[in-house]
Amino acid sequence: MNAMRRGILGLCCFWLSGCGFHWHSQGVHFLFKTVFIKNSSNTTLNNEVLAEMSASPGIKVVTQRNEADLILILTSLSQTDQILTLDAQGSVSQYSLISRLNFRATDKNNQEVLVPSHVIITRVFNYNDVEIFAKESEKIVIQADMRHQLIIQMLEKLSTVDPHHPIELDGN
C-alpha cells in the first residue's frame, strides 16, 4: 500500500512539474538588486507589494529613491463588478469581478525601463440575494485573492526589466 501511495504522489509531482506549476517560495528572479516603491493611494496594495518584493530572493526594498536600481511606480488599482447574468425574476445571479493594476518603472535617472503597463484578472462570481451577507464576505475574499494574483503577475513582468538598459522612445 505504501508503494502505491508513493507512486501516486510521484505521479502527481510529475504532473504538476509538467504543467508549469512551481512553489511560491521559488520566487521570481530579477535583473536588479534594489527597488524603491513609489506608493499609490491604496495602503493595502502598497503593503502587499512591499511584502512580496521583500520576500523575493536577492531583492532589497530601499526607502530612498536614489539608492534604488529600479523605481516601481504603482499608478492605480481598480476593482469593479459588472452584472453578467440575471435570473428569471430579474435579480442578479452572476457578476463579473474585474481587477486591474496599472504600473510603470524607471531607473534612478528617471529613464523609463518599463512603459506604463497593466495586468487584469476577471472572475465570475455567483450571487444570491438570500445569502447576501455570506456573498459579500465571499466577494471580499475573492477580491483580495485577485489583488494578490495581480501583484504576482506584475512581479513576473518586472522580472524581464533591466534597469541598466532604458527604453528608447521614438522622438528622443
N, C-alpha and C. Protein backbone atom coordinates (compact mmCIF):
# COMPACT_ATOMS: atom_id res chain seq x y z
N MET A 1 0.82 -1.19 0.00
CA MET A 1 0.00 0.00 0.00
C MET A 1 0.87 1.26 0.00
N ASN A 2 2.00 1.26 0.78
CA ASN A 2 2.89 2.41 0.80
C ASN A 2 3.49 2.67 -0.57
N ALA A 3 3.84 1.62 -1.28
CA ALA A 3 4.41 1.78 -2.61
C ALA A 3 3.40 2.42 -3.55
N MET A 4 2.14 2.06 -3.40
CA MET A 4 1.11 2.63 -4.25
C MET A 4 0.94 4.13 -3.94
N ARG A 5 0.96 4.48 -2.66
CA ARG A 5 0.85 5.89 -2.28
C ARG A 5 2.04 6.69 -2.81
N ARG A 6 3.24 6.14 -2.67
CA ARG A 6 4.42 6.83 -3.19
C ARG A 6 4.34 6.99 -4.71
N GLY A 7 3.84 5.97 -5.37
CA GLY A 7 3.69 6.04 -6.82
C GLY A 7 2.71 7.13 -7.24
N ILE A 8 1.59 7.21 -6.52
CA ILE A 8 0.59 8.24 -6.83
C ILE A 8 1.16 9.62 -6.53
N LEU A 9 1.86 9.78 -5.41
CA LEU A 9 2.48 11.04 -5.05
C LEU A 9 3.51 11.45 -6.10
N GLY A 10 4.32 10.49 -6.52
CA GLY A 10 5.32 10.76 -7.56
C GLY A 10 4.68 11.17 -8.87
N LEU A 11 3.59 10.51 -9.23
CA LEU A 11 2.86 10.84 -10.45
C LEU A 11 2.28 12.24 -10.37
N CYS A 12 1.73 12.60 -9.20
CA CYS A 12 1.17 13.95 -9.01
C CYS A 12 2.26 15.00 -9.14
N CYS A 13 3.43 14.76 -8.51
CA CYS A 13 4.55 15.71 -8.60
C CYS A 13 5.01 15.86 -10.05
N PHE A 14 5.10 14.74 -10.76
CA PHE A 14 5.50 14.77 -12.16
C PHE A 14 4.50 15.57 -12.98
N TRP A 15 3.22 15.35 -12.74
CA TRP A 15 2.17 16.06 -13.47
C TRP A 15 2.24 17.56 -13.17
N LEU A 16 2.41 17.93 -11.90
CA LEU A 16 2.49 19.35 -11.53
C LEU A 16 3.70 20.02 -12.15
N SER A 17 4.82 19.34 -12.20
CA SER A 17 6.02 19.94 -12.79
C SER A 17 5.85 20.12 -14.29
N GLY A 18 5.10 19.26 -14.93
CA GLY A 18 4.89 19.35 -16.36
C GLY A 18 3.94 20.45 -16.78
N CYS A 19 3.06 20.87 -15.88
CA CYS A 19 2.08 21.88 -16.26
C CYS A 19 2.55 23.30 -15.95
N GLY A 20 3.80 23.46 -15.50
CA GLY A 20 4.33 24.79 -15.21
C GLY A 20 4.13 25.22 -13.78
N PHE A 21 3.58 24.36 -12.95
CA PHE A 21 3.37 24.70 -11.55
C PHE A 21 4.72 24.85 -10.85
N HIS A 22 4.86 25.87 -10.00
CA HIS A 22 6.04 25.98 -9.16
C HIS A 22 5.62 26.51 -7.80
N TRP A 23 6.36 26.09 -6.77
CA TRP A 23 6.05 26.53 -5.43
C TRP A 23 6.27 28.02 -5.32
N HIS A 24 5.42 28.70 -4.55
CA HIS A 24 5.51 30.15 -4.38
C HIS A 24 6.87 30.56 -3.83
N SER A 25 7.47 29.77 -2.99
CA SER A 25 8.72 30.15 -2.34
C SER A 25 9.90 30.22 -3.32
N GLN A 26 9.74 29.66 -4.53
CA GLN A 26 10.80 29.75 -5.51
C GLN A 26 11.00 31.20 -5.94
N GLY A 27 9.94 31.97 -5.95
CA GLY A 27 10.03 33.38 -6.27
C GLY A 27 10.38 33.64 -7.72
N VAL A 28 10.46 34.91 -8.01
CA VAL A 28 10.81 35.38 -9.34
C VAL A 28 12.21 35.98 -9.23
N HIS A 29 13.05 35.76 -10.21
CA HIS A 29 14.40 36.31 -10.19
C HIS A 29 14.44 37.57 -11.03
N PHE A 30 15.06 38.61 -10.48
CA PHE A 30 15.07 39.92 -11.12
C PHE A 30 16.46 40.29 -11.62
N LEU A 31 16.50 41.23 -12.56
CA LEU A 31 17.76 41.73 -13.10
C LEU A 31 18.24 42.97 -12.34
N PHE A 32 17.61 43.27 -11.23
CA PHE A 32 18.01 44.40 -10.39
C PHE A 32 18.10 43.92 -8.95
N LYS A 33 18.84 44.64 -8.15
CA LYS A 33 19.08 44.22 -6.77
C LYS A 33 18.31 45.05 -5.75
N THR A 34 18.07 46.32 -6.06
CA THR A 34 17.37 47.20 -5.12
C THR A 34 16.19 47.85 -5.83
N VAL A 35 15.11 48.07 -5.08
CA VAL A 35 13.91 48.68 -5.64
C VAL A 35 13.32 49.68 -4.65
N PHE A 36 12.86 50.79 -5.20
CA PHE A 36 12.11 51.77 -4.43
C PHE A 36 10.69 51.73 -4.94
N ILE A 37 9.73 51.60 -4.04
CA ILE A 37 8.33 51.51 -4.44
C ILE A 37 7.66 52.85 -4.18
N LYS A 38 7.27 53.51 -5.27
CA LYS A 38 6.55 54.78 -5.14
C LYS A 38 5.10 54.43 -4.84
N ASN A 39 4.66 54.81 -3.68
CA ASN A 39 3.36 54.40 -3.17
C ASN A 39 2.20 54.95 -3.99
N SER A 40 1.17 54.13 -4.08
CA SER A 40 -0.10 54.58 -4.62
C SER A 40 -0.93 55.07 -3.43
N SER A 41 -2.13 55.51 -3.70
CA SER A 41 -3.00 55.96 -2.61
C SER A 41 -3.66 54.79 -1.89
N ASN A 42 -3.48 53.56 -2.39
CA ASN A 42 -4.08 52.38 -1.80
C ASN A 42 -3.10 51.72 -0.82
N THR A 43 -3.30 51.92 0.47
CA THR A 43 -2.40 51.42 1.50
C THR A 43 -2.31 49.90 1.49
N THR A 44 -3.43 49.21 1.31
CA THR A 44 -3.43 47.75 1.27
C THR A 44 -2.55 47.25 0.13
N LEU A 45 -2.70 47.84 -1.03
CA LEU A 45 -1.88 47.47 -2.19
C LEU A 45 -0.40 47.71 -1.89
N ASN A 46 -0.08 48.87 -1.34
CA ASN A 46 1.31 49.19 -1.01
C ASN A 46 1.92 48.15 -0.08
N ASN A 47 1.19 47.80 0.97
CA ASN A 47 1.68 46.82 1.93
C ASN A 47 1.89 45.46 1.30
N GLU A 48 0.97 45.04 0.44
CA GLU A 48 1.09 43.72 -0.20
C GLU A 48 2.25 43.68 -1.20
N VAL A 49 2.44 44.76 -1.96
CA VAL A 49 3.57 44.82 -2.90
C VAL A 49 4.88 44.83 -2.12
N LEU A 50 4.94 45.62 -1.06
CA LEU A 50 6.13 45.68 -0.23
C LEU A 50 6.46 44.31 0.35
N ALA A 51 5.46 43.59 0.83
CA ALA A 51 5.68 42.26 1.40
C ALA A 51 6.19 41.29 0.35
N GLU A 52 5.60 41.29 -0.84
CA GLU A 52 6.03 40.37 -1.91
C GLU A 52 7.44 40.70 -2.38
N MET A 53 7.73 41.99 -2.55
CA MET A 53 9.07 42.38 -3.01
C MET A 53 10.12 42.04 -1.95
N SER A 54 9.80 42.27 -0.69
CA SER A 54 10.73 41.98 0.40
C SER A 54 11.01 40.49 0.51
N ALA A 55 10.02 39.67 0.17
CA ALA A 55 10.17 38.21 0.25
C ALA A 55 10.89 37.64 -0.97
N SER A 56 11.09 38.44 -2.01
CA SER A 56 11.75 37.96 -3.23
C SER A 56 13.24 37.79 -2.97
N PRO A 57 13.81 36.65 -3.37
CA PRO A 57 15.23 36.41 -3.13
C PRO A 57 16.12 37.38 -3.91
N GLY A 58 17.11 37.95 -3.22
CA GLY A 58 18.07 38.83 -3.89
C GLY A 58 17.62 40.26 -4.06
N ILE A 59 16.44 40.61 -3.56
CA ILE A 59 15.92 41.96 -3.73
C ILE A 59 15.89 42.67 -2.39
N LYS A 60 16.37 43.90 -2.40
CA LYS A 60 16.29 44.74 -1.21
C LYS A 60 15.40 45.92 -1.54
N VAL A 61 14.36 46.12 -0.72
CA VAL A 61 13.49 47.28 -0.89
C VAL A 61 14.11 48.42 -0.09
N VAL A 62 14.40 49.52 -0.78
CA VAL A 62 15.05 50.66 -0.13
C VAL A 62 14.04 51.79 0.09
N THR A 63 14.36 52.67 1.02
CA THR A 63 13.44 53.76 1.37
C THR A 63 13.82 55.08 0.69
N GLN A 64 15.00 55.12 0.08
CA GLN A 64 15.45 56.31 -0.63
C GLN A 64 15.52 56.03 -2.12
N ARG A 65 14.88 56.86 -2.90
CA ARG A 65 14.81 56.69 -4.35
C ARG A 65 16.20 56.59 -4.98
N ASN A 66 17.16 57.40 -4.52
CA ASN A 66 18.49 57.44 -5.14
C ASN A 66 19.33 56.19 -4.84
N GLU A 67 18.88 55.35 -3.90
CA GLU A 67 19.59 54.10 -3.59
C GLU A 67 19.13 52.93 -4.45
N ALA A 68 18.08 53.14 -5.25
CA ALA A 68 17.44 52.03 -5.96
C ALA A 68 17.96 51.87 -7.38
N ASP A 69 18.07 50.61 -7.81
CA ASP A 69 18.34 50.30 -9.22
C ASP A 69 17.08 50.54 -10.05
N LEU A 70 15.93 50.25 -9.43
CA LEU A 70 14.64 50.34 -10.13
C LEU A 70 13.64 51.07 -9.25
N ILE A 71 12.87 51.97 -9.87
CA ILE A 71 11.79 52.65 -9.16
C ILE A 71 10.48 52.11 -9.73
N LEU A 72 9.72 51.45 -8.88
CA LEU A 72 8.42 50.89 -9.27
C LEU A 72 7.34 51.91 -8.90
N ILE A 73 6.57 52.32 -9.89
CA ILE A 73 5.52 53.32 -9.67
C ILE A 73 4.17 52.63 -9.84
N LEU A 74 3.46 52.51 -8.73
CA LEU A 74 2.11 51.93 -8.74
C LEU A 74 1.13 53.05 -9.04
N THR A 75 0.56 53.04 -10.23
CA THR A 75 -0.29 54.17 -10.61
C THR A 75 -1.74 54.01 -10.17
N SER A 76 -2.30 52.80 -10.27
CA SER A 76 -3.68 52.63 -9.80
C SER A 76 -4.06 51.16 -9.71
N LEU A 77 -5.04 50.92 -8.86
CA LEU A 77 -5.68 49.62 -8.75
C LEU A 77 -7.17 49.87 -8.83
N SER A 78 -7.84 49.18 -9.74
CA SER A 78 -9.29 49.29 -9.80
C SER A 78 -9.91 47.91 -9.67
N GLN A 79 -10.95 47.85 -8.86
CA GLN A 79 -11.70 46.60 -8.68
C GLN A 79 -13.17 46.94 -8.91
N THR A 80 -13.72 46.38 -9.98
CA THR A 80 -15.10 46.67 -10.34
C THR A 80 -15.87 45.36 -10.52
N ASP A 81 -17.18 45.49 -10.55
CA ASP A 81 -18.01 44.33 -10.87
C ASP A 81 -19.07 44.76 -11.87
N GLN A 82 -19.36 43.83 -12.77
CA GLN A 82 -20.37 44.06 -13.79
C GLN A 82 -21.37 42.91 -13.73
N ILE A 83 -22.63 43.25 -13.95
CA ILE A 83 -23.66 42.22 -13.97
C ILE A 83 -23.41 41.34 -15.19
N LEU A 84 -23.38 40.05 -14.94
CA LEU A 84 -23.13 39.09 -16.01
C LEU A 84 -24.42 38.42 -16.45
N THR A 85 -25.22 37.93 -15.46
CA THR A 85 -26.48 37.27 -15.81
C THR A 85 -27.56 37.63 -14.79
N LEU A 86 -28.79 37.55 -15.26
CA LEU A 86 -29.96 37.74 -14.41
C LEU A 86 -30.77 36.46 -14.39
N ASP A 87 -31.47 36.22 -13.28
CA ASP A 87 -32.34 35.05 -13.23
C ASP A 87 -33.71 35.41 -13.82
N ALA A 88 -34.65 34.48 -13.78
CA ALA A 88 -35.98 34.68 -14.38
C ALA A 88 -36.75 35.83 -13.74
N GLN A 89 -36.47 36.12 -12.47
CA GLN A 89 -37.16 37.21 -11.77
C GLN A 89 -36.48 38.56 -11.99
N GLY A 90 -35.38 38.59 -12.71
CA GLY A 90 -34.67 39.83 -12.97
C GLY A 90 -33.63 40.18 -11.91
N SER A 91 -33.37 39.28 -10.99
CA SER A 91 -32.34 39.50 -9.97
C SER A 91 -30.99 39.05 -10.51
N VAL A 92 -29.95 39.68 -10.02
CA VAL A 92 -28.60 39.32 -10.45
C VAL A 92 -28.26 37.93 -9.93
N SER A 93 -27.76 37.07 -10.83
CA SER A 93 -27.32 35.74 -10.40
C SER A 93 -25.81 35.56 -10.56
N GLN A 94 -25.18 36.38 -11.41
CA GLN A 94 -23.73 36.32 -11.58
C GLN A 94 -23.18 37.71 -11.87
N TYR A 95 -22.03 37.96 -11.27
CA TYR A 95 -21.26 39.17 -11.55
C TYR A 95 -19.94 38.76 -12.19
N SER A 96 -19.37 39.66 -12.94
CA SER A 96 -18.01 39.51 -13.41
C SER A 96 -17.17 40.47 -12.57
N LEU A 97 -16.27 39.93 -11.75
CA LEU A 97 -15.38 40.75 -10.93
C LEU A 97 -14.13 41.04 -11.74
N ILE A 98 -13.76 42.31 -11.86
CA ILE A 98 -12.63 42.71 -12.68
C ILE A 98 -11.65 43.52 -11.82
N SER A 99 -10.41 43.09 -11.80
CA SER A 99 -9.36 43.81 -11.08
C SER A 99 -8.26 44.17 -12.07
N ARG A 100 -7.80 45.41 -11.99
CA ARG A 100 -6.76 45.91 -12.90
C ARG A 100 -5.73 46.70 -12.11
N LEU A 101 -4.45 46.37 -12.32
CA LEU A 101 -3.35 47.06 -11.67
C LEU A 101 -2.51 47.74 -12.75
N ASN A 102 -2.34 49.05 -12.62
CA ASN A 102 -1.52 49.85 -13.54
C ASN A 102 -0.21 50.22 -12.86
N PHE A 103 0.88 50.14 -13.60
CA PHE A 103 2.19 50.42 -13.03
C PHE A 103 3.18 50.76 -14.13
N ARG A 104 4.32 51.29 -13.75
CA ARG A 104 5.43 51.52 -14.66
C ARG A 104 6.71 51.50 -13.85
N ALA A 105 7.85 51.55 -14.51
CA ALA A 105 9.12 51.51 -13.80
C ALA A 105 10.14 52.38 -14.50
N THR A 106 10.99 53.02 -13.69
CA THR A 106 12.08 53.84 -14.20
C THR A 106 13.37 53.42 -13.52
N ASP A 107 14.49 53.90 -14.06
CA ASP A 107 15.76 53.70 -13.37
C ASP A 107 15.98 54.89 -12.45
N LYS A 108 17.12 54.93 -11.77
CA LYS A 108 17.38 56.00 -10.81
C LYS A 108 17.53 57.37 -11.48
N ASN A 109 17.75 57.39 -12.80
CA ASN A 109 17.86 58.65 -13.55
C ASN A 109 16.53 59.06 -14.18
N ASN A 110 15.46 58.40 -13.76
CA ASN A 110 14.10 58.67 -14.23
C ASN A 110 13.89 58.32 -15.70
N GLN A 111 14.70 57.41 -16.23
CA GLN A 111 14.52 56.91 -17.59
C GLN A 111 13.60 55.70 -17.52
N GLU A 112 12.61 55.65 -18.40
CA GLU A 112 11.68 54.52 -18.37
C GLU A 112 12.37 53.22 -18.75
N VAL A 113 12.16 52.21 -17.92
CA VAL A 113 12.65 50.86 -18.22
C VAL A 113 11.47 49.91 -18.44
N LEU A 114 10.28 50.38 -18.08
CA LEU A 114 9.04 49.64 -18.35
C LEU A 114 7.96 50.68 -18.61
N VAL A 115 7.44 50.69 -19.83
CA VAL A 115 6.39 51.64 -20.18
C VAL A 115 5.16 51.40 -19.32
N PRO A 116 4.26 52.38 -19.21
CA PRO A 116 3.04 52.14 -18.43
C PRO A 116 2.39 50.82 -18.85
N SER A 117 2.19 49.95 -17.88
CA SER A 117 1.69 48.61 -18.13
C SER A 117 0.53 48.31 -17.20
N HIS A 118 -0.13 47.20 -17.47
CA HIS A 118 -1.22 46.78 -16.59
C HIS A 118 -1.36 45.26 -16.64
N VAL A 119 -1.98 44.75 -15.59
CA VAL A 119 -2.39 43.36 -15.55
C VAL A 119 -3.86 43.35 -15.13
N ILE A 120 -4.62 42.43 -15.71
CA ILE A 120 -6.05 42.35 -15.44
C ILE A 120 -6.42 40.91 -15.11
N ILE A 121 -7.30 40.78 -14.12
CA ILE A 121 -7.86 39.47 -13.78
C ILE A 121 -9.37 39.61 -13.70
N THR A 122 -10.07 38.64 -14.27
CA THR A 122 -11.53 38.62 -14.24
C THR A 122 -11.98 37.29 -13.65
N ARG A 123 -12.96 37.35 -12.78
CA ARG A 123 -13.53 36.12 -12.21
C ARG A 123 -15.05 36.23 -12.23
N VAL A 124 -15.70 35.09 -12.41
CA VAL A 124 -17.15 35.02 -12.34
C VAL A 124 -17.53 34.76 -10.88
N PHE A 125 -18.51 35.53 -10.40
CA PHE A 125 -18.95 35.45 -9.01
C PHE A 125 -20.45 35.17 -9.00
N ASN A 126 -20.84 34.00 -8.48
CA ASN A 126 -22.26 33.65 -8.37
C ASN A 126 -22.85 34.39 -7.19
N TYR A 127 -24.03 34.95 -7.40
CA TYR A 127 -24.67 35.78 -6.37
C TYR A 127 -26.07 35.27 -6.08
N ASN A 128 -26.48 35.44 -4.81
CA ASN A 128 -27.80 35.01 -4.40
C ASN A 128 -28.27 35.98 -3.32
N ASP A 129 -29.43 36.63 -3.53
CA ASP A 129 -29.96 37.59 -2.56
C ASP A 129 -30.24 36.97 -1.20
N VAL A 130 -30.54 35.69 -1.17
CA VAL A 130 -30.87 35.01 0.08
C VAL A 130 -29.64 34.95 0.99
N GLU A 131 -28.47 34.81 0.40
CA GLU A 131 -27.23 34.69 1.17
C GLU A 131 -26.40 35.97 1.06
N ILE A 132 -27.04 37.12 1.20
CA ILE A 132 -26.39 38.40 0.92
C ILE A 132 -25.14 38.64 1.78
N PHE A 133 -25.20 38.36 3.08
CA PHE A 133 -24.06 38.62 3.95
C PHE A 133 -22.90 37.67 3.65
N ALA A 134 -23.21 36.42 3.44
CA ALA A 134 -22.16 35.45 3.11
C ALA A 134 -21.53 35.79 1.76
N LYS A 135 -22.33 36.20 0.81
CA LYS A 135 -21.83 36.52 -0.53
C LYS A 135 -20.95 37.77 -0.51
N GLU A 136 -21.29 38.74 0.32
CA GLU A 136 -20.45 39.94 0.44
C GLU A 136 -19.09 39.58 1.03
N SER A 137 -19.08 38.72 2.04
CA SER A 137 -17.82 38.26 2.63
C SER A 137 -17.00 37.48 1.61
N GLU A 138 -17.68 36.62 0.86
CA GLU A 138 -17.00 35.83 -0.17
C GLU A 138 -16.40 36.74 -1.23
N LYS A 139 -17.11 37.78 -1.60
CA LYS A 139 -16.62 38.74 -2.61
C LYS A 139 -15.35 39.43 -2.12
N ILE A 140 -15.30 39.80 -0.85
CA ILE A 140 -14.12 40.45 -0.29
C ILE A 140 -12.91 39.51 -0.34
N VAL A 141 -13.13 38.24 -0.01
CA VAL A 141 -12.04 37.26 -0.04
C VAL A 141 -11.56 37.05 -1.48
N ILE A 142 -12.48 36.94 -2.42
CA ILE A 142 -12.12 36.74 -3.83
C ILE A 142 -11.33 37.94 -4.34
N GLN A 143 -11.77 39.16 -4.00
CA GLN A 143 -11.07 40.36 -4.47
C GLN A 143 -9.67 40.45 -3.86
N ALA A 144 -9.50 40.02 -2.62
CA ALA A 144 -8.17 40.01 -2.01
C ALA A 144 -7.26 39.02 -2.74
N ASP A 145 -7.79 37.86 -3.09
CA ASP A 145 -7.02 36.87 -3.85
C ASP A 145 -6.68 37.42 -5.23
N MET A 146 -7.61 38.09 -5.86
CA MET A 146 -7.36 38.68 -7.18
C MET A 146 -6.25 39.73 -7.09
N ARG A 147 -6.28 40.55 -6.05
CA ARG A 147 -5.26 41.58 -5.86
C ARG A 147 -3.88 40.92 -5.71
N HIS A 148 -3.82 39.83 -4.94
CA HIS A 148 -2.56 39.11 -4.77
C HIS A 148 -2.07 38.55 -6.11
N GLN A 149 -2.97 37.99 -6.90
CA GLN A 149 -2.60 37.45 -8.21
C GLN A 149 -2.11 38.55 -9.15
N LEU A 150 -2.72 39.74 -9.06
CA LEU A 150 -2.25 40.88 -9.87
C LEU A 150 -0.81 41.22 -9.51
N ILE A 151 -0.50 41.22 -8.23
CA ILE A 151 0.85 41.55 -7.78
C ILE A 151 1.84 40.50 -8.29
N ILE A 152 1.48 39.24 -8.23
CA ILE A 152 2.36 38.17 -8.73
C ILE A 152 2.60 38.35 -10.23
N GLN A 153 1.54 38.66 -10.98
CA GLN A 153 1.70 38.88 -12.42
C GLN A 153 2.56 40.11 -12.71
N MET A 154 2.41 41.16 -11.90
CA MET A 154 3.23 42.36 -12.07
C MET A 154 4.70 42.00 -11.82
N LEU A 155 4.98 41.22 -10.78
CA LEU A 155 6.36 40.82 -10.48
C LEU A 155 6.95 40.00 -11.62
N GLU A 156 6.13 39.15 -12.23
CA GLU A 156 6.61 38.37 -13.37
C GLU A 156 6.99 39.29 -14.53
N LYS A 157 6.20 40.35 -14.76
CA LYS A 157 6.57 41.32 -15.80
C LYS A 157 7.85 42.05 -15.42
N LEU A 158 7.99 42.40 -14.15
CA LEU A 158 9.19 43.11 -13.70
C LEU A 158 10.44 42.25 -13.81
N SER A 159 10.28 40.93 -13.80
CA SER A 159 11.45 40.05 -13.88
C SER A 159 12.16 40.18 -15.23
N THR A 160 11.51 40.75 -16.22
CA THR A 160 12.13 40.93 -17.54
C THR A 160 12.77 42.30 -17.70
N VAL A 161 12.61 43.16 -16.71
CA VAL A 161 13.08 44.54 -16.80
C VAL A 161 14.55 44.63 -16.39
N ASP A 162 15.35 45.28 -17.23
CA ASP A 162 16.76 45.54 -16.91
C ASP A 162 16.93 47.04 -16.74
N PRO A 163 17.11 47.51 -15.51
CA PRO A 163 17.22 48.95 -15.28
C PRO A 163 18.48 49.57 -15.88
N HIS A 164 19.42 48.75 -16.32
CA HIS A 164 20.65 49.25 -16.92
C HIS A 164 20.48 49.49 -18.42
N HIS A 165 19.29 49.18 -18.96
CA HIS A 165 19.00 49.39 -20.37
C HIS A 165 17.66 50.10 -20.52
N PRO A 166 17.64 51.44 -20.38
CA PRO A 166 16.38 52.18 -20.52
C PRO A 166 15.79 52.00 -21.91
N ILE A 167 14.48 52.21 -21.98
CA ILE A 167 13.75 52.06 -23.23
C ILE A 167 14.02 53.26 -24.11
N GLU A 168 14.31 53.00 -25.37
CA GLU A 168 14.48 54.08 -26.35
C GLU A 168 13.08 54.41 -26.89
N LEU A 169 12.60 55.61 -26.58
CA LEU A 169 11.30 56.03 -27.06
C LEU A 169 11.46 56.78 -28.37
N ASP A 170 10.52 56.61 -29.29
CA ASP A 170 10.56 57.33 -30.57
C ASP A 170 10.54 58.83 -30.31
N GLY A 171 11.32 59.57 -31.08
CA GLY A 171 11.31 61.02 -30.96
C GLY A 171 12.35 61.54 -29.97
N ASN A 172 13.12 60.68 -29.34
CA ASN A 172 14.15 61.13 -28.38
C ASN A 172 15.51 61.15 -29.03
